[in-house]
Amino acid sequence: MRHKFETGQAVVPAHPRNDRHHMYYIVQLLPETSYEPQYRIQQVESGITCVVAESDIKIVKG
């Protein structure tokens, strides 16, 4: 499966849980291990990193 996003792109959660939109950057494309591509992302403000599935994020517009 091909990755839809690239390293360095700014993304936000596809389904935010609250009104605050935290911005993240893709820091790594992960090898294929599941039914959809996964990414390691890093939050801009805090520097916290996490792994997300492609369906969990969307590109920042604007």
Protein backbone atom coordinates (compact mmCIF):
# COMPACT_ATOMS: atom_id res chain seq x y z
CA MET A 1 0.00 0.00 0.00
CA ARG A 2 1.27 3.45 -0.83
CA HIS A 3 1.41 6.27 1.71
CA LYS A 4 -0.89 9.19 0.96
CA PHE A 5 1.18 11.70 2.96
CA GLU A 6 4.90 12.55 2.95
CA THR A 7 7.46 13.28 5.64
CA GLY A 8 7.32 16.94 6.70
CA GLN A 9 3.67 17.53 5.82
CA ALA A 10 1.48 19.29 8.37
CA VAL A 11 -1.59 17.30 9.44
CA VAL A 12 -4.43 17.49 11.97
CA PRO A 13 -6.68 14.78 13.45
CA ALA A 14 -9.38 13.72 10.98
CA HIS A 15 -11.94 13.54 13.80
CA PRO A 16 -10.92 15.98 16.57
CA ARG A 17 -12.29 15.19 20.03
CA ASN A 18 -12.60 18.83 21.02
CA ASP A 19 -12.58 22.32 19.48
CA ARG A 20 -8.80 22.72 19.71
CA HIS A 21 -7.01 21.61 16.58
CA HIS A 22 -3.49 20.53 17.42
CA MET A 23 -1.14 20.61 14.46
CA TYR A 24 1.27 17.75 13.83
CA TYR A 25 4.07 17.07 11.37
CA ILE A 26 4.77 13.71 9.81
CA VAL A 27 8.23 12.66 10.94
CA GLN A 28 8.31 9.09 9.60
CA LEU A 29 6.47 6.80 7.19
CA LEU A 30 6.21 3.42 8.88
CA PRO A 31 6.69 0.08 7.11
CA GLU A 32 3.55 -1.76 6.10
CA THR A 33 2.32 -3.84 9.04
CA SER A 34 -1.46 -3.46 8.95
CA TYR A 35 -4.37 -2.96 6.57
CA GLU A 36 -3.55 0.73 6.03
CA PRO A 37 -0.41 2.91 6.03
CA GLN A 38 0.80 4.28 9.37
CA TYR A 39 2.80 7.36 10.30
CA ARG A 40 4.83 8.66 13.21
CA ILE A 41 3.67 12.24 13.84
CA GLN A 42 4.94 14.95 16.20
CA GLN A 43 2.83 17.66 17.81
CA VAL A 44 4.15 21.14 17.02
CA GLU A 45 3.64 22.73 20.47
CA SER A 46 4.73 19.92 22.80
CA GLY A 47 7.01 17.78 20.64
CA ILE A 48 5.12 14.63 21.69
CA THR A 49 5.20 11.88 19.06
CA CYS A 50 2.71 9.10 18.37
CA VAL A 51 1.81 6.57 15.69
CA VAL A 52 -1.43 6.99 13.73
CA ALA A 53 -3.21 5.26 10.87
CA GLU A 54 -3.73 7.15 7.63
CA SER A 55 -7.51 7.40 8.21
CA ASP A 56 -6.88 9.19 11.53
CA ILE A 57 -5.25 12.29 10.00
CA LYS A 58 -5.90 14.84 7.25
CA ILE A 59 -3.76 17.44 5.54
CA VAL A 60 -3.71 21.03 6.80
CA LYS A 61 -5.36 23.30 4.26
CA GLY A 62 -4.32 26.86 3.71
